[in-house]
Every structure is written in C-alpha cells, then in structure tokens.
Amino acid sequence: MTNAYHRKKQPERVRQQLLEVAARLSLEQGIGAVTLDAVSQAAGVSKGGLLHHFPNKLALLDGLFDELIARFDRAIKEAMEGDDIERGRFTRAYLTVCFALEAEADGKGWQVLTIALLAEPHLKARWRDWVARRADEFAATDSSPNCLLARFAADGVWLADLLESHELDAATRALVLEELKALSRQ
C-alpha cells in the first residue's frame, strides 16, 4: 500500500498550489506555458488531481481570475471603509489599490492576471463585466469625467508597472496618487 492512501486530503491546499504554479508558469514563460500537463507536473499533483479541481485550462485561468478579483474587491472595500467622503470614494479606493499592487506580495499575481487578460478573450470579457458592474454600482458617486480620468490613469500606472516602462520614485508616485485622488473629489 502506498502513502497516498494514508495521506490526509487537503483539497483547498492542492487547489491553491495549482493556482500558484499556473501563475508562476504564466509569469515566467507566458500564458502559452500554462498547460494542464505542465501545471500538474510542476505542482507535483497527478493530472487526475488537477482535473478534479480544473477540468481544462480555461477553468484554471478562471480560478486564478476569481481568486485575484476577490482579493481586489476586498482591498477596494477595505479602502472605501476608511474614506468618509462619499463623492469619488470608489475611485479613490481603486487608485489606492492599483498604486499598491506593485509593492504588495501578490504583485506578481496581478501581473499574471494582466497578461492573461490581454491574451484570453474570455478573461477580457470577464474583466469588462467587472468594470461595468462597478460603474453601475457606484454611478451615483463615481461617474464624473474626473473620476473616470483618475481610474484610467490608475490603469495606466498598472500597465506601466507591468511593463516596467517608467521608474517613479516613491515620492513622485505618492504625489501622483494624491493628485488623482484630489481629481476624484472635484
């Protein structure tokens, strides 16, 4: 009898491990490197074990998307709770979270998500849906042209961080963030 029969099942840990491996492979080798075989092998999980959690590559990418978006939503909600000014509150939270992505431990995960969004039409559609839902949800407080401009700028910072195209020192980055937050209050 092998140890596998005596091993305690930890499906959530295995699922998380598979997502982490998929994210790492995508970041290191591109989205094309994320195959079920490559992920199962790198994670040390049988292909059957992987298929139990993710029946195909799209389901694996959806799982990664869902996890990262849930974290993004929680971070935005937390930032909103600390803001007493209703007008532009969602926009300022979005700015805060986007500007912090580079520095946070999950920054690489966000890079993977961005790469996947650019490469996978299905995920691009899911991101558009997320943006549209938030626009509807916060239309009363965050639909001004200034709020939209500030969120577009945050997306630009996110992309610049991903591409490493602009070097902003911490002071300049903080100043840009504060200027965009001020714009959201107008």
N, C-alpha and C. Protein backbone atom coordinates (compact mmCIF):
# COMPACT_ATOMS: atom_id res chain seq x y z
N MET A 1 0.84 -1.17 0.00
CA MET A 1 0.00 0.00 0.00
C MET A 1 0.89 1.24 0.00
N THR A 2 0.53 2.26 -0.76
CA THR A 2 1.35 3.47 -0.84
C THR A 2 0.90 4.49 0.19
N ASN A 3 1.74 5.47 0.40
CA ASN A 3 1.42 6.54 1.34
C ASN A 3 0.24 7.38 0.88
N ALA A 4 -0.04 7.38 -0.41
CA ALA A 4 -1.15 8.18 -0.93
C ALA A 4 -2.46 7.78 -0.29
N TYR A 5 -2.61 6.51 0.06
CA TYR A 5 -3.86 6.06 0.66
C TYR A 5 -3.99 6.53 2.11
N HIS A 6 -2.88 6.87 2.73
CA HIS A 6 -2.90 7.30 4.12
C HIS A 6 -2.79 8.81 4.27
N ARG A 7 -2.50 9.47 3.16
CA ARG A 7 -2.31 10.91 3.19
C ARG A 7 -3.64 11.60 3.46
N LYS A 8 -3.59 12.60 4.34
CA LYS A 8 -4.79 13.38 4.62
C LYS A 8 -5.11 14.25 3.41
N LYS A 9 -6.33 14.21 2.97
CA LYS A 9 -6.75 15.01 1.81
C LYS A 9 -6.84 16.48 2.22
N GLN A 10 -6.29 17.33 1.41
CA GLN A 10 -6.35 18.77 1.64
C GLN A 10 -6.69 19.44 0.31
N PRO A 11 -7.93 19.31 -0.12
CA PRO A 11 -8.28 19.80 -1.46
C PRO A 11 -8.07 21.30 -1.65
N GLU A 12 -8.33 22.10 -0.64
CA GLU A 12 -8.15 23.54 -0.81
C GLU A 12 -6.68 23.90 -0.94
N ARG A 13 -5.83 23.21 -0.21
CA ARG A 13 -4.40 23.46 -0.31
C ARG A 13 -3.88 23.05 -1.69
N VAL A 14 -4.37 21.92 -2.20
CA VAL A 14 -3.97 21.45 -3.53
C VAL A 14 -4.45 22.43 -4.59
N ARG A 15 -5.69 22.88 -4.46
CA ARG A 15 -6.24 23.85 -5.41
C ARG A 15 -5.39 25.12 -5.42
N GLN A 16 -5.05 25.63 -4.24
CA GLN A 16 -4.23 26.83 -4.13
C GLN A 16 -2.85 26.61 -4.75
N GLN A 17 -2.28 25.46 -4.51
CA GLN A 17 -0.97 25.14 -5.06
C GLN A 17 -1.02 25.13 -6.59
N LEU A 18 -2.06 24.57 -7.15
CA LEU A 18 -2.22 24.53 -8.61
C LEU A 18 -2.33 25.96 -9.18
N LEU A 19 -3.08 26.82 -8.50
CA LEU A 19 -3.21 28.20 -8.95
C LEU A 19 -1.89 28.94 -8.87
N GLU A 20 -1.14 28.71 -7.80
CA GLU A 20 0.16 29.37 -7.65
C GLU A 20 1.13 28.92 -8.75
N VAL A 21 1.12 27.64 -9.06
CA VAL A 21 2.00 27.13 -10.11
C VAL A 21 1.59 27.70 -11.47
N ALA A 22 0.30 27.75 -11.74
CA ALA A 22 -0.17 28.31 -13.00
C ALA A 22 0.25 29.77 -13.12
N ALA A 23 0.13 30.51 -12.03
CA ALA A 23 0.53 31.92 -12.04
C ALA A 23 2.03 32.05 -12.30
N ARG A 24 2.82 31.23 -11.63
CA ARG A 24 4.27 31.30 -11.80
C ARG A 24 4.67 30.95 -13.23
N LEU A 25 4.10 29.88 -13.77
CA LEU A 25 4.42 29.49 -15.15
C LEU A 25 4.05 30.59 -16.13
N SER A 26 2.90 31.19 -15.92
CA SER A 26 2.44 32.25 -16.81
C SER A 26 3.39 33.44 -16.76
N LEU A 27 3.81 33.80 -15.58
CA LEU A 27 4.70 34.94 -15.42
C LEU A 27 6.08 34.66 -15.99
N GLU A 28 6.61 33.47 -15.72
CA GLU A 28 7.97 33.13 -16.14
C GLU A 28 8.07 32.80 -17.62
N GLN A 29 7.04 32.10 -18.17
CA GLN A 29 7.17 31.57 -19.52
C GLN A 29 6.06 32.01 -20.46
N GLY A 30 5.10 32.78 -19.97
CA GLY A 30 4.00 33.22 -20.81
C GLY A 30 2.79 32.32 -20.64
N ILE A 31 1.65 32.84 -21.04
CA ILE A 31 0.38 32.14 -20.85
C ILE A 31 0.35 30.82 -21.62
N GLY A 32 1.10 30.74 -22.73
CA GLY A 32 1.14 29.51 -23.51
C GLY A 32 1.77 28.35 -22.76
N ALA A 33 2.59 28.66 -21.76
CA ALA A 33 3.24 27.60 -20.98
C ALA A 33 2.30 26.97 -19.97
N VAL A 34 1.16 27.59 -19.76
CA VAL A 34 0.20 27.06 -18.78
C VAL A 34 -0.63 25.97 -19.46
N THR A 35 -0.11 24.75 -19.40
CA THR A 35 -0.85 23.59 -19.88
C THR A 35 -1.18 22.73 -18.68
N LEU A 36 -2.18 21.89 -18.82
CA LEU A 36 -2.55 21.03 -17.70
C LEU A 36 -1.40 20.12 -17.31
N ASP A 37 -0.69 19.59 -18.30
CA ASP A 37 0.46 18.72 -18.01
C ASP A 37 1.55 19.48 -17.26
N ALA A 38 1.88 20.67 -17.74
CA ALA A 38 2.96 21.44 -17.11
C ALA A 38 2.60 21.83 -15.68
N VAL A 39 1.36 22.23 -15.47
CA VAL A 39 0.92 22.65 -14.13
C VAL A 39 0.90 21.45 -13.18
N SER A 40 0.34 20.34 -13.63
CA SER A 40 0.28 19.18 -12.73
C SER A 40 1.68 18.69 -12.38
N GLN A 41 2.56 18.65 -13.37
CA GLN A 41 3.93 18.19 -13.12
C GLN A 41 4.66 19.14 -12.17
N ALA A 42 4.60 20.44 -12.44
CA ALA A 42 5.31 21.41 -11.60
C ALA A 42 4.74 21.47 -10.18
N ALA A 43 3.46 21.18 -10.04
CA ALA A 43 2.83 21.21 -8.71
C ALA A 43 3.01 19.89 -7.97
N GLY A 44 3.46 18.86 -8.67
CA GLY A 44 3.59 17.55 -8.03
C GLY A 44 2.25 16.93 -7.73
N VAL A 45 1.28 17.21 -8.58
CA VAL A 45 -0.09 16.70 -8.44
C VAL A 45 -0.40 15.88 -9.68
N SER A 46 -1.07 14.76 -9.48
CA SER A 46 -1.43 13.95 -10.65
C SER A 46 -2.34 14.75 -11.57
N LYS A 47 -2.34 14.38 -12.83
CA LYS A 47 -3.22 15.08 -13.76
C LYS A 47 -4.68 14.88 -13.36
N GLY A 48 -5.00 13.72 -12.83
CA GLY A 48 -6.35 13.48 -12.34
C GLY A 48 -6.70 14.41 -11.18
N GLY A 49 -5.71 14.65 -10.31
CA GLY A 49 -5.92 15.58 -9.20
C GLY A 49 -6.17 16.99 -9.70
N LEU A 50 -5.42 17.39 -10.71
CA LEU A 50 -5.63 18.71 -11.29
C LEU A 50 -7.02 18.78 -11.94
N LEU A 51 -7.37 17.75 -12.70
CA LEU A 51 -8.66 17.74 -13.39
C LEU A 51 -9.84 17.74 -12.42
N HIS A 52 -9.61 17.22 -11.22
CA HIS A 52 -10.66 17.27 -10.19
C HIS A 52 -11.02 18.72 -9.86
N HIS A 53 -10.00 19.57 -9.83
CA HIS A 53 -10.21 20.98 -9.49
C HIS A 53 -10.50 21.84 -10.71
N PHE A 54 -9.80 21.54 -11.81
CA PHE A 54 -9.90 22.37 -13.02
C PHE A 54 -9.97 21.45 -14.23
N PRO A 55 -11.15 21.29 -14.83
CA PRO A 55 -11.31 20.33 -15.92
C PRO A 55 -10.60 20.72 -17.22
N ASN A 56 -10.18 21.99 -17.34
CA ASN A 56 -9.46 22.43 -18.54
C ASN A 56 -8.67 23.70 -18.22
N LYS A 57 -7.89 24.14 -19.19
CA LYS A 57 -7.04 25.32 -18.99
C LYS A 57 -7.87 26.56 -18.69
N LEU A 58 -8.99 26.71 -19.39
CA LEU A 58 -9.83 27.88 -19.17
C LEU A 58 -10.35 27.91 -17.74
N ALA A 59 -10.73 26.75 -17.21
CA ALA A 59 -11.20 26.68 -15.83
C ALA A 59 -10.08 27.06 -14.86
N LEU A 60 -8.86 26.67 -15.17
CA LEU A 60 -7.71 27.03 -14.35
C LEU A 60 -7.49 28.54 -14.38
N LEU A 61 -7.54 29.14 -15.56
CA LEU A 61 -7.39 30.59 -15.67
C LEU A 61 -8.55 31.32 -14.99
N ASP A 62 -9.76 30.77 -15.12
CA ASP A 62 -10.91 31.35 -14.43
C ASP A 62 -10.70 31.31 -12.92
N GLY A 63 -10.16 30.20 -12.42
CA GLY A 63 -9.89 30.08 -10.99
C GLY A 63 -8.90 31.13 -10.52
N LEU A 64 -7.86 31.35 -11.31
CA LEU A 64 -6.87 32.37 -10.98
C LEU A 64 -7.51 33.76 -11.01
N PHE A 65 -8.31 34.01 -12.03
CA PHE A 65 -9.03 35.29 -12.15
C PHE A 65 -9.93 35.50 -10.94
N ASP A 66 -10.72 34.49 -10.59
CA ASP A 66 -11.65 34.61 -9.47
C ASP A 66 -10.93 34.93 -8.16
N GLU A 67 -9.82 34.26 -7.94
CA GLU A 67 -9.06 34.47 -6.70
C GLU A 67 -8.51 35.89 -6.64
N LEU A 68 -7.92 36.34 -7.72
CA LEU A 68 -7.33 37.67 -7.72
C LEU A 68 -8.39 38.76 -7.65
N ILE A 69 -9.50 38.59 -8.34
CA ILE A 69 -10.57 39.59 -8.30
C ILE A 69 -11.19 39.65 -6.90
N ALA A 70 -11.32 38.51 -6.25
CA ALA A 70 -11.85 38.51 -4.88
C ALA A 70 -10.93 39.31 -3.95
N ARG A 71 -9.63 39.14 -4.11
CA ARG A 71 -8.67 39.92 -3.31
C ARG A 71 -8.77 41.41 -3.65
N PHE A 72 -8.89 41.70 -4.93
CA PHE A 72 -9.01 43.08 -5.40
C PHE A 72 -10.25 43.73 -4.79
N ASP A 73 -11.38 43.03 -4.85
CA ASP A 73 -12.63 43.55 -4.28
C ASP A 73 -12.50 43.79 -2.77
N ARG A 74 -11.88 42.84 -2.07
CA ARG A 74 -11.70 43.01 -0.61
C ARG A 74 -10.83 44.23 -0.31
N ALA A 75 -9.76 44.40 -1.08
CA ALA A 75 -8.88 45.55 -0.85
C ALA A 75 -9.60 46.86 -1.14
N ILE A 76 -10.40 46.89 -2.20
CA ILE A 76 -11.16 48.10 -2.52
C ILE A 76 -12.18 48.38 -1.42
N LYS A 77 -12.88 47.36 -0.97
CA LYS A 77 -13.87 47.54 0.10
C LYS A 77 -13.20 48.09 1.36
N GLU A 78 -12.05 47.53 1.71
CA GLU A 78 -11.32 47.99 2.89
C GLU A 78 -10.91 49.45 2.74
N ALA A 79 -10.42 49.82 1.57
CA ALA A 79 -10.01 51.21 1.34
C ALA A 79 -11.22 52.14 1.39
N MET A 80 -12.36 51.70 0.90
CA MET A 80 -13.56 52.53 0.92
C MET A 80 -14.04 52.76 2.34
N GLU A 81 -13.89 51.75 3.19
CA GLU A 81 -14.34 51.88 4.58
C GLU A 81 -13.57 52.95 5.34
N GLY A 82 -12.37 53.25 4.90
CA GLY A 82 -11.56 54.26 5.56
C GLY A 82 -11.71 55.65 4.96
N ASP A 83 -12.68 55.83 4.08
CA ASP A 83 -12.86 57.11 3.37
C ASP A 83 -14.23 57.67 3.72
N ASP A 84 -14.26 58.84 4.36
CA ASP A 84 -15.53 59.44 4.82
C ASP A 84 -16.22 60.28 3.76
N ILE A 85 -15.54 60.57 2.66
CA ILE A 85 -16.13 61.41 1.61
C ILE A 85 -16.78 60.50 0.57
N GLU A 86 -18.10 60.66 0.43
CA GLU A 86 -18.85 59.77 -0.46
C GLU A 86 -18.49 59.98 -1.93
N ARG A 87 -18.43 61.24 -2.38
CA ARG A 87 -18.16 61.53 -3.78
C ARG A 87 -16.78 61.02 -4.18
N GLY A 88 -16.72 60.11 -5.12
CA GLY A 88 -15.47 59.58 -5.62
C GLY A 88 -14.82 58.51 -4.75
N ARG A 89 -15.53 58.03 -3.74
CA ARG A 89 -14.96 57.06 -2.79
C ARG A 89 -14.45 55.79 -3.48
N PHE A 90 -15.25 55.22 -4.39
CA PHE A 90 -14.80 54.02 -5.10
C PHE A 90 -13.55 54.31 -5.92
N THR A 91 -13.53 55.45 -6.59
CA THR A 91 -12.39 55.80 -7.43
C THR A 91 -11.12 55.92 -6.58
N ARG A 92 -11.22 56.58 -5.43
CA ARG A 92 -10.04 56.71 -4.57
C ARG A 92 -9.57 55.36 -4.06
N ALA A 93 -10.50 54.48 -3.75
CA ALA A 93 -10.13 53.13 -3.32
C ALA A 93 -9.46 52.37 -4.46
N TYR A 94 -10.01 52.49 -5.65
CA TYR A 94 -9.42 51.85 -6.83
C TYR A 94 -8.00 52.36 -7.05
N LEU A 95 -7.82 53.67 -6.94
CA LEU A 95 -6.50 54.27 -7.09
C LEU A 95 -5.53 53.71 -6.04
N THR A 96 -5.97 53.69 -4.80
CA THR A 96 -5.13 53.21 -3.70
C THR A 96 -4.67 51.79 -3.96
N VAL A 97 -5.60 50.94 -4.35
CA VAL A 97 -5.27 49.53 -4.57
C VAL A 97 -4.36 49.37 -5.80
N CYS A 98 -4.69 50.03 -6.90
CA CYS A 98 -3.86 49.92 -8.11
C CYS A 98 -2.44 50.41 -7.87
N PHE A 99 -2.30 51.50 -7.15
CA PHE A 99 -0.96 52.04 -6.89
C PHE A 99 -0.17 51.15 -5.94
N ALA A 100 -0.86 50.36 -5.14
CA ALA A 100 -0.17 49.48 -4.18
C ALA A 100 0.17 48.11 -4.76
N LEU A 101 -0.35 47.78 -5.93
CA LEU A 101 -0.16 46.43 -6.48
C LEU A 101 1.30 46.09 -6.67
N GLU A 102 2.09 47.03 -7.13
CA GLU A 102 3.50 46.76 -7.39
C GLU A 102 4.23 46.38 -6.11
N ALA A 103 3.89 47.02 -5.01
CA ALA A 103 4.61 46.83 -3.75
C ALA A 103 4.13 45.62 -2.95
N GLU A 104 2.91 45.16 -3.20
CA GLU A 104 2.38 44.10 -2.36
C GLU A 104 2.93 42.73 -2.76
N ALA A 105 2.82 41.81 -1.84
CA ALA A 105 3.35 40.46 -2.06
C ALA A 105 2.67 39.78 -3.24
N ASP A 106 1.41 40.11 -3.49
CA ASP A 106 0.67 39.49 -4.59
C ASP A 106 0.88 40.21 -5.92
N GLY A 107 1.81 41.14 -5.97
CA GLY A 107 2.04 41.91 -7.18
C GLY A 107 2.27 41.05 -8.41
N LYS A 108 2.97 39.96 -8.24
CA LYS A 108 3.22 39.07 -9.38
C LYS A 108 1.92 38.44 -9.86
N GLY A 109 1.03 38.13 -8.95
CA GLY A 109 -0.27 37.58 -9.35
C GLY A 109 -1.06 38.55 -10.21
N TRP A 110 -0.96 39.83 -9.87
CA TRP A 110 -1.65 40.84 -10.67
C TRP A 110 -1.01 40.95 -12.05
N GLN A 111 0.29 40.78 -12.12
CA GLN A 111 0.95 40.79 -13.42
C GLN A 111 0.44 39.63 -14.27
N VAL A 112 0.30 38.47 -13.66
CA VAL A 112 -0.22 37.31 -14.37
C VAL A 112 -1.63 37.58 -14.87
N LEU A 113 -2.46 38.15 -14.01
CA LEU A 113 -3.83 38.46 -14.40
C LEU A 113 -3.85 39.42 -15.59
N THR A 114 -3.02 40.43 -15.55
CA THR A 114 -2.98 41.40 -16.64
C THR A 114 -2.55 40.74 -17.94
N ILE A 115 -1.53 39.90 -17.87
CA ILE A 115 -1.08 39.19 -19.07
C ILE A 115 -2.20 38.29 -19.59
N ALA A 116 -2.86 37.58 -18.69
CA ALA A 116 -3.95 36.69 -19.10
C ALA A 116 -5.10 37.49 -19.71
N LEU A 117 -5.40 38.66 -19.15
CA LEU A 117 -6.47 39.50 -19.69
C LEU A 117 -6.18 39.90 -21.13
N LEU A 118 -4.91 40.18 -21.40
CA LEU A 118 -4.53 40.58 -22.74
C LEU A 118 -4.57 39.41 -23.72
N ALA A 119 -4.32 38.19 -23.20
CA ALA A 119 -4.18 37.03 -24.07
C ALA A 119 -5.47 36.21 -24.24
N GLU A 120 -6.35 36.26 -23.28
CA GLU A 120 -7.53 35.40 -23.29
C GLU A 120 -8.82 36.21 -23.44
N PRO A 121 -9.50 36.12 -24.58
CA PRO A 121 -10.73 36.89 -24.79
C PRO A 121 -11.79 36.65 -23.71
N HIS A 122 -11.89 35.41 -23.23
CA HIS A 122 -12.87 35.09 -22.20
C HIS A 122 -12.60 35.89 -20.93
N LEU A 123 -11.35 36.00 -20.53
CA LEU A 123 -11.00 36.75 -19.32
C LEU A 123 -11.15 38.25 -19.55
N LYS A 124 -10.85 38.69 -20.76
CA LYS A 124 -11.05 40.10 -21.10
C LYS A 124 -12.53 40.47 -20.93
N ALA A 125 -13.42 39.58 -21.36
CA ALA A 125 -14.86 39.82 -21.21
C ALA A 125 -15.25 39.83 -19.73
N ARG A 126 -14.67 38.95 -18.96
CA ARG A 126 -14.97 38.92 -17.52
C ARG A 126 -14.50 40.20 -16.84
N TRP A 127 -13.34 40.73 -17.24
CA TRP A 127 -12.86 41.99 -16.67
C TRP A 127 -13.80 43.13 -17.06
N ARG A 128 -14.22 43.16 -18.33
CA ARG A 128 -15.16 44.20 -18.76
C ARG A 128 -16.43 44.13 -17.93
N ASP A 129 -16.91 42.92 -17.65
CA ASP A 129 -18.12 42.76 -16.82
C ASP A 129 -17.90 43.30 -15.42
N TRP A 130 -16.72 43.02 -14.86
CA TRP A 130 -16.41 43.53 -13.51
C TRP A 130 -16.43 45.05 -13.52
N VAL A 131 -15.78 45.66 -14.50
CA VAL A 131 -15.72 47.12 -14.61
C VAL A 131 -17.14 47.68 -14.78
N ALA A 132 -17.95 47.07 -15.63
CA ALA A 132 -19.32 47.56 -15.87
C ALA A 132 -20.17 47.45 -14.59
N ARG A 133 -20.02 46.35 -13.87
CA ARG A 133 -20.78 46.19 -12.61
C ARG A 133 -20.40 47.27 -11.60
N ARG A 134 -19.11 47.55 -11.49
CA ARG A 134 -18.67 48.59 -10.55
C ARG A 134 -19.13 49.97 -11.01
N ALA A 135 -19.09 50.21 -12.30
CA ALA A 135 -19.56 51.51 -12.82
C ALA A 135 -21.04 51.69 -12.49
N ASP A 136 -21.84 50.64 -12.64
CA ASP A 136 -23.26 50.72 -12.29
C ASP A 136 -23.45 50.88 -10.79
N GLU A 137 -22.72 50.10 -10.03
CA GLU A 137 -22.87 50.11 -8.57
C GLU A 137 -22.53 51.49 -7.98
N PHE A 138 -21.53 52.15 -8.54
CA PHE A 138 -21.08 53.42 -7.98
C PHE A 138 -21.38 54.61 -8.90
N ALA A 139 -22.38 54.46 -9.75
CA ALA A 139 -22.73 55.53 -10.70
C ALA A 139 -23.11 56.83 -9.99
N ALA A 140 -23.79 56.74 -8.87
CA ALA A 140 -24.24 57.95 -8.16
C ALA A 140 -23.08 58.76 -7.60
N THR A 141 -21.96 58.11 -7.30
CA THR A 141 -20.85 58.82 -6.64
C THR A 141 -19.58 58.92 -7.48
N ASP A 142 -19.44 58.08 -8.50
CA ASP A 142 -18.15 57.98 -9.20
C ASP A 142 -18.26 58.02 -10.72
N SER A 143 -19.31 58.65 -11.26
CA SER A 143 -19.47 58.64 -12.72
C SER A 143 -18.99 59.92 -13.39
N SER A 144 -18.42 60.83 -12.62
CA SER A 144 -17.96 62.09 -13.22
C SER A 144 -16.79 61.84 -14.16
N PRO A 145 -16.59 62.73 -15.13
CA PRO A 145 -15.43 62.60 -16.01
C PRO A 145 -14.11 62.59 -15.23
N ASN A 146 -14.03 63.34 -14.14
CA ASN A 146 -12.80 63.37 -13.35
C ASN A 146 -12.52 62.01 -12.71
N CYS A 147 -13.55 61.35 -12.21
CA CYS A 147 -13.37 60.01 -11.63
C CYS A 147 -12.94 59.02 -12.71
N LEU A 148 -13.57 59.10 -13.84
CA LEU A 148 -13.19 58.21 -14.95
C LEU A 148 -11.74 58.45 -15.37
N LEU A 149 -11.36 59.70 -15.48
CA LEU A 149 -9.99 60.05 -15.85
C LEU A 149 -9.00 59.50 -14.81
N ALA A 150 -9.33 59.62 -13.55
CA ALA A 150 -8.44 59.12 -12.49
C ALA A 150 -8.30 57.60 -12.56
N ARG A 151 -9.41 56.90 -12.83
CA ARG A 151 -9.33 55.43 -12.94
C ARG A 151 -8.54 55.03 -14.18
N PHE A 152 -8.70 55.76 -15.29
CA PHE A 152 -7.89 55.48 -16.48
C PHE A 152 -6.40 55.67 -16.17
N ALA A 153 -6.09 56.70 -15.42
CA ALA A 153 -4.69 56.94 -15.04
C ALA A 153 -4.17 55.79 -14.18
N ALA A 154 -4.99 55.29 -13.27
CA ALA A 154 -4.59 54.15 -12.43
C ALA A 154 -4.31 52.93 -13.30
N ASP A 155 -5.16 52.71 -14.30
CA ASP A 155 -4.92 51.59 -15.22
C ASP A 155 -3.59 51.77 -15.95
N GLY A 156 -3.27 53.01 -16.31
CA GLY A 156 -2.00 53.30 -16.96
C GLY A 156 -0.81 53.02 -16.05
N VAL A 157 -0.95 53.35 -14.78
CA VAL A 157 0.12 53.05 -13.82
C VAL A 157 0.28 51.55 -13.68
N TRP A 158 -0.85 50.84 -13.62
CA TRP A 158 -0.82 49.38 -13.52
C TRP A 158 -0.05 48.79 -14.72
N LEU A 159 -0.37 49.27 -15.91
CA LEU A 159 0.31 48.78 -17.11
C LEU A 159 1.79 49.17 -17.11
N ALA A 160 2.09 50.40 -16.72
CA ALA A 160 3.49 50.84 -16.66
C ALA A 160 4.28 50.00 -15.67
N ASP A 161 3.66 49.66 -14.54
CA ASP A 161 4.32 48.78 -13.56
C ASP A 161 4.59 47.41 -14.17
N LEU A 162 3.61 46.88 -14.88
CA LEU A 162 3.75 45.57 -15.51
C LEU A 162 4.89 45.58 -16.53
N LEU A 163 4.93 46.61 -17.36
CA LEU A 163 5.93 46.70 -18.42
C LEU A 163 7.27 47.24 -17.92
N GLU A 164 7.27 47.72 -16.69
CA GLU A 164 8.46 48.36 -16.12
C GLU A 164 8.96 49.46 -17.05
N SER A 165 8.00 50.23 -17.58
CA SER A 165 8.32 51.24 -18.59
C SER A 165 8.65 52.61 -17.99
N HIS A 166 8.26 52.85 -16.76
CA HIS A 166 8.51 54.14 -16.12
C HIS A 166 9.04 53.89 -14.70
N GLU A 167 10.09 54.56 -14.37
CA GLU A 167 10.59 54.47 -13.00
C GLU A 167 10.11 55.68 -12.23
N LEU A 168 9.25 55.44 -11.26
CA LEU A 168 8.78 56.51 -10.40
C LEU A 168 9.37 56.29 -9.01
N ASP A 169 10.02 57.32 -8.49
CA ASP A 169 10.49 57.18 -7.11
C ASP A 169 9.26 57.26 -6.20
N ALA A 170 9.42 56.83 -4.99
CA ALA A 170 8.29 56.73 -4.05
C ALA A 170 7.60 58.08 -3.85
N ALA A 171 8.38 59.15 -3.76
CA ALA A 171 7.79 60.47 -3.54
C ALA A 171 6.93 60.91 -4.73
N THR A 172 7.43 60.70 -5.94
CA THR A 172 6.68 61.07 -7.14
C THR A 172 5.42 60.22 -7.27
N ARG A 173 5.57 58.95 -7.00
CA ARG A 173 4.42 58.04 -7.06
C ARG A 173 3.33 58.48 -6.08
N ALA A 174 3.72 58.83 -4.86
CA ALA A 174 2.77 59.29 -3.85
C ALA A 174 2.11 60.59 -4.28
N LEU A 175 2.87 61.50 -4.87
CA LEU A 175 2.33 62.77 -5.34
C LEU A 175 1.30 62.55 -6.46
N VAL A 176 1.63 61.68 -7.41
CA VAL A 176 0.69 61.37 -8.50
C VAL A 176 -0.60 60.78 -7.92
N LEU A 177 -0.47 59.87 -6.98
CA LEU A 177 -1.65 59.27 -6.34
C LEU A 177 -2.51 60.34 -5.67
N GLU A 178 -1.90 61.24 -4.94
CA GLU A 178 -2.67 62.28 -4.25
C GLU A 178 -3.34 63.24 -5.23
N GLU A 179 -2.67 63.56 -6.32
CA GLU A 179 -3.27 64.43 -7.34
C GLU A 179 -4.49 63.76 -7.97
N LEU A 180 -4.39 62.48 -8.24
CA LEU A 180 -5.53 61.75 -8.82
C LEU A 180 -6.67 61.63 -7.81
N LYS A 181 -6.34 61.43 -6.55
CA LYS A 181 -7.40 61.38 -5.53
C LYS A 181 -8.10 62.73 -5.43
N ALA A 182 -7.32 63.80 -5.50
CA ALA A 182 -7.93 65.14 -5.46
C ALA A 182 -8.86 65.34 -6.64
N LEU A 183 -8.47 64.85 -7.80
CA LEU A 183 -9.30 64.95 -9.00
C LEU A 183 -10.63 64.24 -8.77
N SER A 184 -10.62 63.13 -8.06
CA SER A 184 -11.86 62.37 -7.84
C SER A 184 -12.83 63.09 -6.91
N ARG A 185 -12.36 64.07 -6.17
CA ARG A 185 -13.23 64.82 -5.25
C ARG A 185 -13.92 65.99 -5.94
N GLN A 186 -13.46 66.36 -7.12
CA GLN A 186 -13.99 67.53 -7.82
C GLN A 186 -15.29 67.22 -8.52
